[in-house]
Amino acid sequence: MNTDNRQKCALITGASRGIGKAAAEIFAKNGYNLFLTCHNSTDDLESLAESLQSAYGIRCRPIEADMGAETDVVRLFSHIQNLDVLVNNAGMACFELLSDMTAEQWHRIIAVNLDSCFYTCRAAIPLMLKNHSGSIINVSSVWGAQGASMEVAYSASKGGMNAFTKALAKELAPSNIQVNAVACGVIDTAMNSCLSPEDMAALREEIPAGRPGTPAEAAELIFRVAQAPPYMTGQIITIDGGWYT
């Protein structure tokens, strides 16, 4: 549990399910007050917030927001006065041949996966500077380094996130603010539910661990990164069962 005099606060985007939901659970369990966002599943998010408040005695505010829209992020941060941890988890995928993608699809993926990091970090930095400390964790993907066929836009957005992470880490290191990314392999979330049983079986064959990761495993790594020594910054930390190690 957090032992600081001031109860710490974390913002977790895309928290209604999957990795974001699991991250909310572990931060709440460790005494963090929370701001949680989602775009569509507001009922699920409100239910999660009520559950976490009841179970752990923390304050938890659910907020509907499109993290790819600057106006929504500005509105979100109007509610936040102090912030210790920012977890940029909101994201979307698109399985599509590049030649079949529309410009609207491309821009939407870049907005949700990458523009959102710009919007949230720009707003979070002044709050963290007040305390001369803070941790920003961007939830990335192995495809940001490897690239994936039929996921060019997604891969590009996560590659951009990785470069964003490394550059911002250098910018904020003098202010004692850490910026790191957690690059996930195949995690058992709704984002991968479109894969057929045959595709999943083939993936299991490729992954040395023989299975996809769980949201709880990814969330545990996110939390550990948030607790890491301040000297650890600018890192892209992979959790993939040995797949691309």
C-alpha atoms as a PDB file:
ATOM      1  CA  MET A   1       0.000   0.000   0.000  1.00  0.00           C
ATOM      2  CA  ASN A   2       1.042   3.599  -0.550  1.00  0.00           C
ATOM      3  CA  THR A   3       2.627   4.992   2.620  1.00  0.00           C
ATOM      4  CA  ASP A   4       3.078   8.630   1.499  1.00  0.00           C
ATOM      5  CA  ASN A   5       1.250  11.315   3.480  1.00  0.00           C
ATOM      6  CA  ARG A   6      -0.537  12.444   0.342  1.00  0.00           C
ATOM      7  CA  GLN A   7      -2.645   9.762  -1.256  1.00  0.00           C
ATOM      8  CA  LYS A   8      -1.361   9.243  -4.760  1.00  0.00           C
ATOM      9  CA  CYS A   9      -3.473   9.576  -7.885  1.00  0.00           C
ATOM     10  CA  ALA A  10      -3.365   7.765 -11.225  1.00  0.00           C
ATOM     11  CA  LEU A  11      -5.151   8.342 -14.511  1.00  0.00           C
ATOM     12  CA  ILE A  12      -5.747   5.192 -16.558  1.00  0.00           C
ATOM     13  CA  THR A  13      -7.266   5.575 -20.009  1.00  0.00           C
ATOM     14  CA  GLY A  14      -9.243   2.833 -21.714  1.00  0.00           C
ATOM     15  CA  ALA A  15     -10.070   1.315 -18.345  1.00  0.00           C
ATOM     16  CA  SER A  16     -13.446  -0.337 -18.872  1.00  0.00           C
ATOM     17  CA  ARG A  17     -11.980  -3.702 -19.828  1.00  0.00           C
ATOM     18  CA  GLY A  18      -8.827  -5.687 -20.544  1.00  0.00           C
ATOM     19  CA  ILE A  19      -5.447  -4.298 -19.514  1.00  0.00           C
ATOM     20  CA  GLY A  20      -6.859  -0.961 -18.393  1.00  0.00           C
ATOM     21  CA  LYS A  21      -9.400  -2.591 -16.092  1.00  0.00           C
ATOM     22  CA  ALA A  22      -6.753  -4.880 -14.605  1.00  0.00           C
ATOM     23  CA  ALA A  23      -4.438  -1.898 -14.103  1.00  0.00           C
ATOM     24  CA  ALA A  24      -7.193  -0.003 -12.301  1.00  0.00           C
ATOM     25  CA  GLU A  25      -7.612  -2.962  -9.957  1.00  0.00           C
ATOM     26  CA  ILE A  26      -3.939  -3.173  -8.989  1.00  0.00           C
ATOM     27  CA  PHE A  27      -3.506   0.587  -8.530  1.00  0.00           C
ATOM     28  CA  ALA A  28      -6.649   0.738  -6.385  1.00  0.00           C
ATOM     29  CA  LYS A  29      -5.442  -2.228  -4.333  1.00  0.00           C
ATOM     30  CA  ASN A  30      -2.277  -0.270  -3.614  1.00  0.00           C
ATOM     31  CA  GLY A  31      -4.099   2.804  -2.403  1.00  0.00           C
ATOM     32  CA  TYR A  32      -4.200   5.087  -5.442  1.00  0.00           C
ATOM     33  CA  ASN A  33      -7.109   7.394  -6.084  1.00  0.00           C
ATOM     34  CA  LEU A  34      -8.139   6.955  -9.707  1.00  0.00           C
ATOM     35  CA  PHE A  35      -9.467   8.737 -12.745  1.00  0.00           C
ATOM     36  CA  LEU A  36     -10.632   6.170 -15.295  1.00  0.00           C
ATOM     37  CA  THR A  37     -11.763   6.762 -18.856  1.00  0.00           C
ATOM     38  CA  CYS A  38     -13.504   4.926 -21.640  1.00  0.00           C
ATOM     39  CA  HIS A  39     -15.231   5.997 -24.826  1.00  0.00           C
ATOM     40  CA  ASN A  40     -18.171   3.636 -25.237  1.00  0.00           C
ATOM     41  CA  SER A  41     -18.577   1.236 -22.285  1.00  0.00           C
ATOM     42  CA  THR A  42     -19.626   3.815 -19.691  1.00  0.00           C
ATOM     43  CA  ASP A  43     -21.889   1.453 -17.743  1.00  0.00           C
ATOM     44  CA  ASP A  44     -19.021  -1.014 -17.322  1.00  0.00           C
ATOM     45  CA  LEU A  45     -16.676   1.787 -16.260  1.00  0.00           C
ATOM     46  CA  GLU A  46     -19.105   3.147 -13.675  1.00  0.00           C
ATOM     47  CA  SER A  47     -19.623  -0.336 -12.279  1.00  0.00           C
ATOM     48  CA  LEU A  48     -15.864  -0.836 -12.026  1.00  0.00           C
ATOM     49  CA  ALA A  49     -15.413   2.499 -10.249  1.00  0.00           C
ATOM     50  CA  GLU A  50     -18.092   1.648  -7.688  1.00  0.00           C
ATOM     51  CA  SER A  51     -16.547  -1.770  -7.105  1.00  0.00           C
ATOM     52  CA  LEU A  52     -13.036  -0.384  -6.571  1.00  0.00           C
ATOM     53  CA  GLN A  53     -14.232   2.316  -4.205  1.00  0.00           C
ATOM     54  CA  SER A  54     -16.138  -0.227  -2.145  1.00  0.00           C
ATOM     55  CA  ALA A  55     -13.339  -2.801  -2.067  1.00  0.00           C
ATOM     56  CA  TYR A  56     -10.354  -0.533  -1.412  1.00  0.00           C
ATOM     57  CA  GLY A  57     -11.684   2.698   0.100  1.00  0.00           C
ATOM     58  CA  ILE A  58     -10.174   4.875  -2.609  1.00  0.00           C
ATOM     59  CA  ARG A  59     -11.754   7.654  -4.645  1.00  0.00           C
ATOM     60  CA  CYS A  60     -12.436   6.662  -8.219  1.00  0.00           C
ATOM     61  CA  ARG A  61     -13.975   8.909 -10.860  1.00  0.00           C
ATOM     62  CA  PRO A  62     -15.134   7.394 -14.157  1.00  0.00           C
ATOM     63  CA  ILE A  63     -15.192   9.810 -17.089  1.00  0.00           C
ATOM     64  CA  GLU A  64     -16.435   9.182 -20.616  1.00  0.00           C
ATOM     65  CA  ALA A  65     -13.892  10.597 -23.055  1.00  0.00           C
ATOM     66  CA  ASP A  66     -12.667  10.054 -26.587  1.00  0.00           C
ATOM     67  CA  MET A  67      -8.922  10.136 -25.981  1.00  0.00           C
ATOM     68  CA  GLY A  68      -8.300  10.870 -29.661  1.00  0.00           C
ATOM     69  CA  ALA A  69     -10.218  14.161 -29.375  1.00  0.00           C
ATOM     70  CA  GLU A  70      -8.328  17.126 -27.925  1.00  0.00           C
ATOM     71  CA  THR A  71     -11.465  18.751 -26.528  1.00  0.00           C
ATOM     72  CA  ASP A  72     -12.361  15.616 -24.563  1.00  0.00           C
ATOM     73  CA  VAL A  73      -8.887  15.389 -23.058  1.00  0.00           C
ATOM     74  CA  VAL A  74      -8.970  19.062 -22.060  1.00  0.00           C
ATOM     75  CA  ARG A  75     -12.330  18.452 -20.390  1.00  0.00           C
ATOM     76  CA  LEU A  76     -10.959  15.366 -18.627  1.00  0.00           C
ATOM     77  CA  PHE A  77      -8.018  17.260 -17.153  1.00  0.00           C
ATOM     78  CA  SER A  78     -10.269  20.051 -15.908  1.00  0.00           C
ATOM     79  CA  HIS A  79     -11.241  17.582 -13.169  1.00  0.00           C
ATOM     80  CA  ILE A  80      -7.661  16.665 -12.178  1.00  0.00           C
ATOM     81  CA  GLN A  81      -5.634  18.823  -9.794  1.00  0.00           C
ATOM     82  CA  ASN A  82      -2.877  16.361  -8.844  1.00  0.00           C
ATOM     83  CA  LEU A  83      -1.452  13.432 -10.754  1.00  0.00           C
ATOM     84  CA  ASP A  84       1.338  10.984  -9.938  1.00  0.00           C
ATOM     85  CA  VAL A  85       0.882   8.318 -12.625  1.00  0.00           C
ATOM     86  CA  LEU A  86      -0.487   8.489 -16.155  1.00  0.00           C
ATOM     87  CA  VAL A  87      -1.194   5.209 -17.947  1.00  0.00           C
ATOM     88  CA  ASN A  88      -1.928   5.765 -21.635  1.00  0.00           C
ATOM     89  CA  ASN A  89      -3.767   2.537 -22.365  1.00  0.00           C
ATOM     90  CA  ALA A  90      -6.618   3.645 -24.647  1.00  0.00           C
ATOM     91  CA  GLY A  91      -6.154   2.158 -28.081  1.00  0.00           C
ATOM     92  CA  MET A  92      -7.739   0.492 -31.067  1.00  0.00           C
ATOM     93  CA  ALA A  93      -6.681  -1.934 -33.766  1.00  0.00           C
ATOM     94  CA  CYS A  94      -7.670  -2.374 -37.399  1.00  0.00           C
ATOM     95  CA  PHE A  95      -7.036  -5.548 -39.393  1.00  0.00           C
ATOM     96  CA  GLU A  96      -7.004  -4.269 -42.939  1.00  0.00           C
ATOM     97  CA  LEU A  97      -4.835  -4.293 -46.026  1.00  0.00           C
ATOM     98  CA  LEU A  98      -3.269  -0.855 -46.357  1.00  0.00           C
ATOM     99  CA  SER A  99      -4.528  -0.639 -49.932  1.00  0.00           C
ATOM    100  CA  ASP A 100      -8.097  -1.079 -48.636  1.00  0.00           C
ATOM    101  CA  MET A 101      -7.849   1.422 -45.760  1.00  0.00           C
ATOM    102  CA  THR A 102      -9.644   4.730 -45.945  1.00  0.00           C
ATOM    103  CA  ALA A 103      -7.986   7.938 -44.845  1.00  0.00           C
ATOM    104  CA  GLU A 104     -10.600   8.163 -42.098  1.00  0.00           C
ATOM    105  CA  GLN A 105      -9.585   4.753 -40.715  1.00  0.00           C
ATOM    106  CA  TRP A 106      -5.918   5.721 -40.784  1.00  0.00           C
ATOM    107  CA  HIS A 107      -6.438   9.051 -39.031  1.00  0.00           C
ATOM    108  CA  ARG A 108      -8.723   7.503 -36.407  1.00  0.00           C
ATOM    109  CA  ILE A 109      -6.148   4.882 -35.400  1.00  0.00           C
ATOM    110  CA  ILE A 110      -3.365   7.461 -35.215  1.00  0.00           C
ATOM    111  CA  ALA A 111      -5.614   9.778 -33.188  1.00  0.00           C
ATOM    112  CA  VAL A 112      -6.645   7.192 -30.598  1.00  0.00           C
ATOM    113  CA  ASN A 113      -3.290   5.414 -30.288  1.00  0.00           C
ATOM    114  CA  LEU A 114      -0.784   8.250 -30.699  1.00  0.00           C
ATOM    115  CA  ASP A 115      -2.370  11.710 -30.693  1.00  0.00           C
ATOM    116  CA  SER A 116      -3.924  10.776 -27.345  1.00  0.00           C
ATOM    117  CA  CYS A 117      -0.452  10.450 -25.808  1.00  0.00           C
ATOM    118  CA  PHE A 118       0.375  13.984 -26.921  1.00  0.00           C
ATOM    119  CA  TYR A 119      -2.856  15.361 -25.481  1.00  0.00           C
ATOM    120  CA  THR A 120      -2.589  13.580 -22.123  1.00  0.00           C
ATOM    121  CA  CYS A 121       1.137  14.110 -21.600  1.00  0.00           C
ATOM    122  CA  ARG A 122       0.901  17.790 -22.458  1.00  0.00           C
ATOM    123  CA  ALA A 123      -1.803  18.174 -19.807  1.00  0.00           C
ATOM    124  CA  ALA A 124      -0.164  15.913 -17.211  1.00  0.00           C
ATOM    125  CA  ILE A 125       3.325  17.416 -17.252  1.00  0.00           C
ATOM    126  CA  PRO A 126       2.428  20.663 -15.401  1.00  0.00           C
ATOM    127  CA  LEU A 127       0.709  18.629 -12.677  1.00  0.00           C
ATOM    128  CA  MET A 128       3.773  16.417 -12.215  1.00  0.00           C
ATOM    129  CA  LEU A 129       6.176  19.354 -12.301  1.00  0.00           C
ATOM    130  CA  LYS A 130       4.480  20.719  -9.171  1.00  0.00           C
ATOM    131  CA  ASN A 131       5.778  17.708  -7.224  1.00  0.00           C
ATOM    132  CA  HIS A 132       9.022  17.302  -9.198  1.00  0.00           C
ATOM    133  CA  SER A 133       8.043  13.663  -9.746  1.00  0.00           C
ATOM    134  CA  GLY A 134       5.749  11.476 -11.751  1.00  0.00           C
ATOM    135  CA  SER A 135       5.517   8.435 -13.979  1.00  0.00           C
ATOM    136  CA  ILE A 136       4.082   8.246 -17.494  1.00  0.00           C
ATOM    137  CA  ILE A 137       3.538   4.747 -18.865  1.00  0.00           C
ATOM    138  CA  ASN A 138       2.494   4.230 -22.470  1.00  0.00           C
ATOM    139  CA  VAL A 139       0.952   0.868 -23.319  1.00  0.00           C
ATOM    140  CA  SER A 140       2.583  -0.130 -26.591  1.00  0.00           C
ATOM    141  CA  SER A 141       2.904  -3.340 -28.612  1.00  0.00           C
ATOM    142  CA  VAL A 142       5.568  -5.604 -30.014  1.00  0.00           C
ATOM    143  CA  TRP A 143       4.248  -4.505 -33.405  1.00  0.00           C
ATOM    144  CA  GLY A 144       5.667  -1.061 -32.699  1.00  0.00           C
ATOM    145  CA  ALA A 145       9.124  -2.559 -33.150  1.00  0.00           C
ATOM    146  CA  GLN A 146       8.434  -5.536 -35.440  1.00  0.00           C
ATOM    147  CA  GLY A 147       5.570  -4.391 -37.656  1.00  0.00           C
ATOM    148  CA  ALA A 148       2.604  -6.589 -38.532  1.00  0.00           C
ATOM    149  CA  SER A 149       1.089  -7.440 -41.890  1.00  0.00           C
ATOM    150  CA  MET A 150      -2.476  -6.088 -42.212  1.00  0.00           C
ATOM    151  CA  GLU A 151      -1.834  -3.851 -39.180  1.00  0.00           C
ATOM    152  CA  VAL A 152       0.260  -1.129 -40.779  1.00  0.00           C
ATOM    153  CA  ALA A 153      -1.619   1.754 -39.154  1.00  0.00           C
ATOM    154  CA  TYR A 154      -1.573   0.076 -35.746  1.00  0.00           C
ATOM    155  CA  SER A 155       2.128  -0.755 -36.079  1.00  0.00           C
ATOM    156  CA  ALA A 156       2.916   2.802 -37.155  1.00  0.00           C
ATOM    157  CA  SER A 157       1.003   4.255 -34.213  1.00  0.00           C
ATOM    158  CA  LYS A 158       2.819   2.033 -31.715  1.00  0.00           C
ATOM    159  CA  GLY A 159       6.188   2.678 -33.340  1.00  0.00           C
ATOM    160  CA  GLY A 160       5.447   6.364 -32.992  1.00  0.00           C
ATOM    161  CA  MET A 161       4.508   5.806 -29.367  1.00  0.00           C
ATOM    162  CA  ASN A 162       7.870   4.139 -28.724  1.00  0.00           C
ATOM    163  CA  ALA A 163       9.780   7.056 -30.253  1.00  0.00           C
ATOM    164  CA  PHE A 164       7.535   9.499 -28.374  1.00  0.00           C
ATOM    165  CA  THR A 165       8.359   7.677 -25.132  1.00  0.00           C
ATOM    166  CA  LYS A 166      12.121   7.812 -25.624  1.00  0.00           C
ATOM    167  CA  ALA A 167      12.140  11.457 -26.678  1.00  0.00           C
ATOM    168  CA  LEU A 168       9.853  12.678 -23.893  1.00  0.00           C
ATOM    169  CA  ALA A 169      11.867  10.709 -21.328  1.00  0.00           C
ATOM    170  CA  LYS A 170      14.948  12.758 -22.241  1.00  0.00           C
ATOM    171  CA  GLU A 171      12.963  15.964 -22.033  1.00  0.00           C
ATOM    172  CA  LEU A 172      11.526  15.208 -18.587  1.00  0.00           C
ATOM    173  CA  ALA A 173      14.424  13.385 -16.899  1.00  0.00           C
ATOM    174  CA  PRO A 174      15.829  16.643 -15.415  1.00  0.00           C
ATOM    175  CA  SER A 175      12.431  17.158 -13.750  1.00  0.00           C
ATOM    176  CA  ASN A 176      12.448  13.671 -12.171  1.00  0.00           C
ATOM    177  CA  ILE A 177       9.509  12.510 -14.298  1.00  0.00           C
ATOM    178  CA  GLN A 178       9.829   9.018 -15.762  1.00  0.00           C
ATOM    179  CA  VAL A 179       8.464   8.089 -19.184  1.00  0.00           C
ATOM    180  CA  ASN A 180       8.440   4.408 -20.146  1.00  0.00           C
ATOM    181  CA  ALA A 181       6.418   2.076 -22.341  1.00  0.00           C
ATOM    182  CA  VAL A 182       5.173  -1.459 -21.824  1.00  0.00           C
ATOM    183  CA  ALA A 183       5.143  -3.293 -25.156  1.00  0.00           C
ATOM    184  CA  CYS A 184       2.662  -6.156 -25.050  1.00  0.00           C
ATOM    185  CA  GLY A 185       2.657  -9.288 -27.137  1.00  0.00           C
ATOM    186  CA  VAL A 186      -0.539 -11.289 -27.513  1.00  0.00           C
ATOM    187  CA  ILE A 187      -2.727 -10.534 -24.499  1.00  0.00           C
ATOM    188  CA  ASP A 188      -6.063 -12.262 -23.973  1.00  0.00           C
ATOM    189  CA  THR A 189      -8.288  -9.198 -24.434  1.00  0.00           C
ATOM    190  CA  ALA A 190     -11.293  -8.222 -26.525  1.00  0.00           C
ATOM    191  CA  MET A 191      -8.962  -6.523 -29.022  1.00  0.00           C
ATOM    192  CA  ASN A 192      -7.814  -9.989 -30.098  1.00  0.00           C
ATOM    193  CA  SER A 193     -11.286 -11.549 -30.077  1.00  0.00           C
ATOM    194  CA  CYS A 194     -11.526 -11.137 -33.851  1.00  0.00           C
ATOM    195  CA  LEU A 195      -8.826 -13.784 -34.307  1.00  0.00           C
ATOM    196  CA  SER A 196     -10.139 -17.176 -35.328  1.00  0.00           C
ATOM    197  CA  PRO A 197      -9.469 -20.279 -33.204  1.00  0.00           C
ATOM    198  CA  GLU A 198      -7.062 -21.407 -35.918  1.00  0.00           C
ATOM    199  CA  ASP A 199      -5.164 -18.100 -35.766  1.00  0.00           C
ATOM    200  CA  MET A 200      -4.952 -18.303 -31.988  1.00  0.00           C
ATOM    201  CA  ALA A 201      -3.705 -21.874 -32.153  1.00  0.00           C
ATOM    202  CA  ALA A 202      -1.002 -20.797 -34.603  1.00  0.00           C
ATOM    203  CA  LEU A 203       0.025 -17.959 -32.298  1.00  0.00           C
ATOM    204  CA  ARG A 204       0.315 -20.327 -29.346  1.00  0.00           C
ATOM    205  CA  GLU A 205       2.665 -22.441 -31.420  1.00  0.00           C
ATOM    206  CA  GLU A 206       4.863 -19.388 -32.055  1.00  0.00           C
ATOM    207  CA  ILE A 207       4.953 -18.121 -28.460  1.00  0.00           C
ATOM    208  CA  PRO A 208       7.570 -19.928 -26.339  1.00  0.00           C
ATOM    209  CA  ALA A 209       5.351 -19.620 -23.258  1.00  0.00           C
ATOM    210  CA  GLY A 210       2.664 -21.492 -25.200  1.00  0.00           C
ATOM    211  CA  ARG A 211      -0.166 -19.113 -24.406  1.00  0.00           C
ATOM    212  CA  PRO A 212      -1.292 -15.490 -24.603  1.00  0.00           C
ATOM    213  CA  GLY A 213      -0.618 -13.270 -21.624  1.00  0.00           C
ATOM    214  CA  THR A 214      -3.358 -12.207 -19.255  1.00  0.00           C
ATOM    215  CA  PRO A 215      -4.490  -8.639 -18.623  1.00  0.00           C
ATOM    216  CA  ALA A 216      -3.478  -9.115 -14.980  1.00  0.00           C
ATOM    217  CA  GLU A 217       0.100  -9.937 -16.010  1.00  0.00           C
ATOM    218  CA  ALA A 218       0.337  -6.839 -18.190  1.00  0.00           C
ATOM    219  CA  ALA A 219      -1.194  -4.723 -15.427  1.00  0.00           C
ATOM    220  CA  GLU A 220       1.277  -6.031 -12.865  1.00  0.00           C
ATOM    221  CA  LEU A 221       4.167  -4.984 -15.095  1.00  0.00           C
ATOM    222  CA  ILE A 222       2.605  -1.540 -15.598  1.00  0.00           C
ATOM    223  CA  PHE A 223       2.341  -1.102 -11.833  1.00  0.00           C
ATOM    224  CA  ARG A 224       5.920  -2.244 -11.280  1.00  0.00           C
ATOM    225  CA  VAL A 225       7.155   0.242 -13.866  1.00  0.00           C
ATOM    226  CA  ALA A 226       5.280   2.971 -11.984  1.00  0.00           C
ATOM    227  CA  GLN A 227       7.209   1.979  -8.827  1.00  0.00           C
ATOM    228  CA  ALA A 228      10.600   1.721 -10.522  1.00  0.00           C
ATOM    229  CA  PRO A 229      13.564   3.869  -9.416  1.00  0.00           C
ATOM    230  CA  PRO A 230      13.529   7.322 -11.065  1.00  0.00           C
ATOM    231  CA  TYR A 231      16.716   6.482 -12.974  1.00  0.00           C
ATOM    232  CA  MET A 232      14.733   4.019 -15.107  1.00  0.00           C
ATOM    233  CA  THR A 233      13.283   6.108 -17.894  1.00  0.00           C
ATOM    234  CA  GLY A 234      13.007   6.017 -21.675  1.00  0.00           C
ATOM    235  CA  GLN A 235      12.616   2.228 -21.717  1.00  0.00           C
ATOM    236  CA  ILE A 236      10.393   0.057 -23.923  1.00  0.00           C
ATOM    237  CA  ILE A 237       9.762  -2.990 -21.732  1.00  0.00           C
ATOM    238  CA  THR A 238       8.385  -6.042 -23.502  1.00  0.00           C
ATOM    239  CA  ILE A 239       5.998  -8.618 -22.074  1.00  0.00           C
ATOM    240  CA  ASP A 240       5.377 -11.287 -24.701  1.00  0.00           C
ATOM    241  CA  GLY A 241       6.112 -14.769 -23.316  1.00  0.00           C
ATOM    242  CA  GLY A 242       9.456 -14.839 -25.108  1.00  0.00           C
ATOM    243  CA  TRP A 243       7.832 -14.319 -28.519  1.00  0.00           C
ATOM    244  CA  TYR A 244      10.075 -11.517 -29.806  1.00  0.00           C
ATOM    245  CA  THR A 245      12.756 -11.573 -27.124  1.00  0.00           C
END
